Amino acid sequence: MKKLCFIFALFIASDSNAGVFKCTDASGHTFYQSLPCSEQGKSVQINPKTGSTVDLDALQQNKALISEQQKQEQLRLQAESQAKQQELVNLKKQAQLESELTQTLIKQNSLRFSAYAIPAYNLEALPVLVKPFASRLPEIEKFRRLAAEKALATGQCNRVESDELHAKSKQDLLVFLVNCSSAASFYFNETELK
C-alpha cells in the first residue's frame, strides 16, 4: 500500500513532460524516481498519464543492435565496392596484356596486317557492340588476334584490314569478323578459335 501511495504521489508531483522511472538496482531492490535510473540497474520509464511502460535497457540494447547491424552492412558494402574496383583493375590489366601481344604481332608482321587492323578496345570507351561483353574483354582481345591468324592461315587472306567483334555474338558464344585486303571476309566463333 505504501508503494502505491508513493507511485500516486509521484504521478501527481510530476508535470506533464516529466516521467517516472522504475529502477532496479544490482541487488534486485526496486525503487521509483523522477530522474532516469543509473546505468548499474534495470531501468523502466513509466508514463504517468497512460500508465504505459518502456524498458529503457531493452530500448538501448535494441538501438545498439541496430547500430551494429548498420555498421556491418556499411562494411559489407564497402568490401563489395573494393572487390569490384579490384576486379575492374585486373580486367583492365589482362585486356591490356592481350592487346599488347596483338600489337606486337602486328608490328612484327606489318605486311600481313594493316596498322589499324586490330585497335585495342578501351574499357572506359567501348563501342556499343562491345559494351555488353565488357566482362570478357581480355578474351575478346585474345580471340581477335587468333581470328586474324586463322584468317591468314587459310591462304585466302593476304592482309588483315579489320578484325572486330560481330553483332551475332552472345555472352556464351563470341563471334568475330575478319576483313581482308583480298575482299575476303571470315567469321569465326570462339569455339573455333580455342
Protein backbone atom coordinates (compact mmCIF):
# COMPACT_ATOMS: atom_id res chain seq x y z
CA MET A 1 0.00 0.00 0.00
CA LYS A 2 2.89 2.35 0.77
CA LYS A 3 4.36 1.74 -2.67
CA LEU A 4 1.03 2.50 -4.32
CA CYS A 5 0.76 5.78 -2.40
CA PHE A 6 4.31 6.63 -3.33
CA ILE A 7 3.65 5.96 -7.02
CA PHE A 8 0.46 8.01 -6.85
CA ALA A 9 2.37 10.87 -5.21
CA LEU A 10 4.98 10.70 -7.97
CA PHE A 11 2.26 10.87 -10.62
CA ILE A 12 0.74 13.94 -9.01
CA ALA A 13 4.08 15.63 -8.37
CA SER A 14 5.33 15.17 -11.91
CA ASP A 15 4.37 17.69 -14.54
CA SER A 16 3.08 16.68 -17.97
CA ASN A 17 6.59 16.37 -19.51
CA ALA A 18 8.29 14.58 -16.61
CA GLY A 19 8.35 10.82 -16.39
CA VAL A 20 8.52 8.31 -13.64
CA PHE A 21 11.29 5.74 -13.71
CA LYS A 22 11.08 2.34 -12.06
CA CYS A 23 14.63 1.36 -11.21
CA THR A 24 16.05 -1.93 -10.03
CA ASP A 25 19.50 -1.84 -8.51
CA ALA A 26 22.17 -4.53 -8.74
CA SER A 27 20.91 -6.28 -5.60
CA GLY A 28 17.36 -6.51 -7.01
CA HIS A 29 15.68 -3.74 -4.99
CA THR A 30 13.04 -1.75 -6.90
CA PHE A 31 12.50 1.98 -6.38
CA TYR A 32 10.84 4.84 -8.26
CA GLN A 33 12.26 8.26 -9.13
CA SER A 34 11.68 11.22 -11.44
CA LEU A 35 15.18 11.02 -12.99
CA PRO A 36 16.47 8.26 -15.27
CA CYS A 37 18.00 5.32 -13.44
CA SER A 38 21.71 4.83 -13.06
CA GLU A 39 23.39 2.54 -15.55
CA GLN A 40 24.08 -0.19 -12.99
CA GLY A 41 20.49 -1.39 -12.62
CA LYS A 42 17.43 -2.10 -14.70
CA SER A 43 15.53 0.95 -15.95
CA VAL A 44 11.85 1.19 -16.92
CA GLN A 45 10.17 4.50 -17.74
CA ILE A 46 6.50 4.86 -16.71
CA ASN A 47 4.21 7.36 -18.45
CA PRO A 48 2.15 8.98 -15.65
CA LYS A 49 -0.75 9.84 -17.98
CA THR A 50 -1.26 6.46 -19.64
CA GLY A 51 0.50 4.14 -17.22
CA SER A 52 2.42 2.59 -20.12
CA THR A 53 5.99 1.48 -19.58
CA VAL A 54 9.12 1.46 -21.71
CA ASP A 55 12.02 -0.82 -20.83
CA LEU A 56 14.89 1.62 -21.36
CA ASP A 57 17.52 -1.10 -21.11
CA ALA A 58 15.86 -3.13 -23.87
CA LEU A 59 15.42 0.05 -25.92
CA GLN A 60 19.12 0.88 -25.52
CA GLN A 61 20.13 -2.67 -26.43
CA ASN A 62 17.88 -2.56 -29.50
CA LYS A 63 19.43 0.75 -30.61
CA ALA A 64 22.92 -0.69 -30.12
CA LEU A 65 21.97 -3.81 -32.12
CA ILE A 66 20.54 -1.73 -34.98
CA SER A 67 23.62 0.48 -34.96
CA GLU A 68 25.90 -2.57 -35.12
CA GLN A 69 23.85 -4.08 -37.97
CA GLN A 70 24.08 -0.81 -39.91
CA LYS A 71 27.82 -0.70 -39.32
CA GLN A 72 28.22 -4.30 -40.53
CA GLU A 73 26.11 -3.57 -43.63
CA GLN A 74 28.22 -0.49 -44.38
CA LEU A 75 31.41 -2.55 -44.03
CA ARG A 76 29.96 -5.25 -46.31
CA LEU A 77 29.03 -2.69 -48.98
CA GLN A 78 32.46 -1.11 -48.71
CA ALA A 79 34.15 -4.50 -49.12
CA GLU A 80 31.97 -5.28 -52.16
CA SER A 81 32.85 -1.92 -53.69
CA GLN A 82 36.56 -2.53 -53.16
CA ALA A 83 36.28 -6.02 -54.65
CA LYS A 84 34.53 -4.64 -57.74
CA GLN A 85 37.19 -1.96 -58.14
CA GLN A 86 39.95 -4.56 -57.86
CA GLU A 87 38.15 -6.79 -60.35
CA LEU A 88 37.95 -3.85 -62.77
CA VAL A 89 41.67 -3.12 -62.33
CA ASN A 90 42.51 -6.79 -63.01
CA LEU A 91 40.22 -6.83 -66.06
CA LYS A 92 41.97 -3.74 -67.49
CA LYS A 93 45.40 -5.26 -66.89
CA GLN A 94 44.50 -8.56 -68.56
CA ALA A 95 42.90 -6.80 -71.54
CA GLN A 96 45.94 -4.55 -71.89
CA LEU A 97 48.30 -7.54 -71.86
CA GLU A 98 46.31 -9.28 -74.60
CA SER A 99 46.19 -6.09 -76.62
CA GLU A 100 49.97 -5.62 -76.29
CA LEU A 101 50.50 -9.16 -77.62
CA THR A 102 48.28 -8.31 -80.59
CA GLN A 103 50.10 -5.03 -81.29
CA THR A 104 53.46 -6.84 -81.12
CA LEU A 105 52.19 -9.40 -83.66
CA ILE A 106 51.06 -6.58 -85.98
CA LYS A 107 54.42 -4.76 -85.73
CA GLN A 108 56.35 -7.96 -86.45
CA ASN A 109 54.16 -8.74 -89.47
CA SER A 110 53.49 -5.33 -90.97
CA LEU A 111 52.94 -6.83 -94.45
CA ARG A 112 50.22 -9.15 -93.18
CA PHE A 113 48.35 -6.61 -91.05
CA SER A 114 47.08 -3.11 -91.66
CA ALA A 115 48.44 -0.78 -88.94
CA TYR A 116 44.92 -0.27 -87.54
CA ALA A 117 43.55 -3.74 -88.23
CA ILE A 118 43.03 -4.62 -84.56
CA PRO A 119 42.88 -1.46 -82.46
CA ALA A 120 42.72 -2.09 -78.73
CA TYR A 121 39.36 -1.67 -77.05
CA ASN A 122 39.37 0.84 -74.20
CA LEU A 123 37.30 -0.37 -71.22
CA GLU A 124 36.11 3.19 -70.44
CA ALA A 125 35.06 3.89 -74.04
CA LEU A 126 33.90 0.60 -75.51
CA PRO A 127 31.94 0.59 -78.78
CA VAL A 128 28.21 -0.01 -78.30
CA LEU A 129 28.51 -3.52 -79.74
CA VAL A 130 31.27 -4.49 -77.29
CA LYS A 131 29.83 -2.91 -74.09
CA PRO A 132 27.55 -5.85 -73.20
CA PHE A 133 30.63 -8.08 -73.24
CA ALA A 134 32.88 -5.81 -71.13
CA SER A 135 33.45 -8.53 -68.52
CA ARG A 136 35.01 -10.69 -71.27
CA LEU A 137 37.30 -8.00 -72.70
CA PRO A 138 40.59 -9.91 -72.19
CA GLU A 139 39.12 -12.91 -74.03
CA ILE A 140 37.81 -10.67 -76.80
CA GLU A 141 41.27 -9.18 -77.34
CA LYS A 142 42.81 -12.67 -77.41
CA PHE A 143 40.21 -14.09 -79.81
CA ARG A 144 40.58 -11.12 -82.18
CA ARG A 145 44.28 -11.94 -82.50
CA LEU A 146 43.55 -15.65 -83.01
CA ALA A 147 40.84 -14.88 -85.58
CA ALA A 148 43.27 -12.76 -87.61
CA GLU A 149 45.90 -15.50 -87.52
CA LYS A 150 43.35 -18.12 -88.57
CA ALA A 151 42.14 -15.97 -91.47
CA LEU A 152 45.74 -15.52 -92.67
CA ALA A 153 46.34 -19.27 -92.36
CA THR A 154 43.56 -20.02 -94.88
CA GLY A 155 45.69 -18.63 -97.71
CA GLN A 156 42.69 -16.60 -98.96
CA CYS A 157 43.61 -13.58 -96.84
CA ASN A 158 46.76 -11.69 -97.88
CA ARG A 159 46.47 -8.87 -95.37
CA VAL A 160 44.09 -8.29 -92.42
CA GLU A 161 42.36 -4.92 -92.72
CA SER A 162 39.96 -5.17 -89.78
CA ASP A 163 39.10 -7.61 -87.03
CA GLU A 164 36.09 -6.85 -84.83
CA LEU A 165 33.57 -8.47 -82.55
CA HIS A 166 30.48 -9.23 -84.62
CA ALA A 167 26.84 -8.40 -83.85
CA LYS A 168 25.95 -12.11 -83.82
CA SER A 169 27.92 -12.51 -80.58
CA LYS A 170 26.24 -13.83 -77.45
CA GLN A 171 27.52 -13.94 -73.87
CA ASP A 172 28.32 -17.64 -74.17
CA LEU A 173 29.50 -17.55 -77.81
CA LEU A 174 31.51 -14.64 -79.19
CA VAL A 175 31.70 -14.20 -82.98
CA PHE A 176 34.43 -12.29 -84.84
CA LEU A 177 34.54 -10.81 -88.33
CA VAL A 178 37.88 -10.53 -90.13
CA ASN A 179 38.05 -8.46 -93.34
CA CYS A 180 41.00 -8.91 -95.66
CA SER A 181 42.57 -6.78 -98.42
CA SER A 182 41.64 -9.54 -100.89
CA ALA A 183 37.94 -8.67 -100.22
CA ALA A 184 37.51 -11.95 -98.37
CA SER A 185 35.65 -11.94 -95.04
CA PHE A 186 35.83 -14.59 -92.38
CA TYR A 187 33.54 -15.32 -89.43
CA PHE A 188 34.93 -17.27 -86.51
CA ASN A 189 33.24 -18.09 -83.24
CA GLU A 190 35.17 -18.60 -80.03
CA THR A 191 34.72 -22.37 -80.15
CA GLU A 192 36.58 -22.49 -83.46
CA LEU A 193 39.35 -20.29 -82.05
CA LYS A 194 40.02 -22.26 -78.86
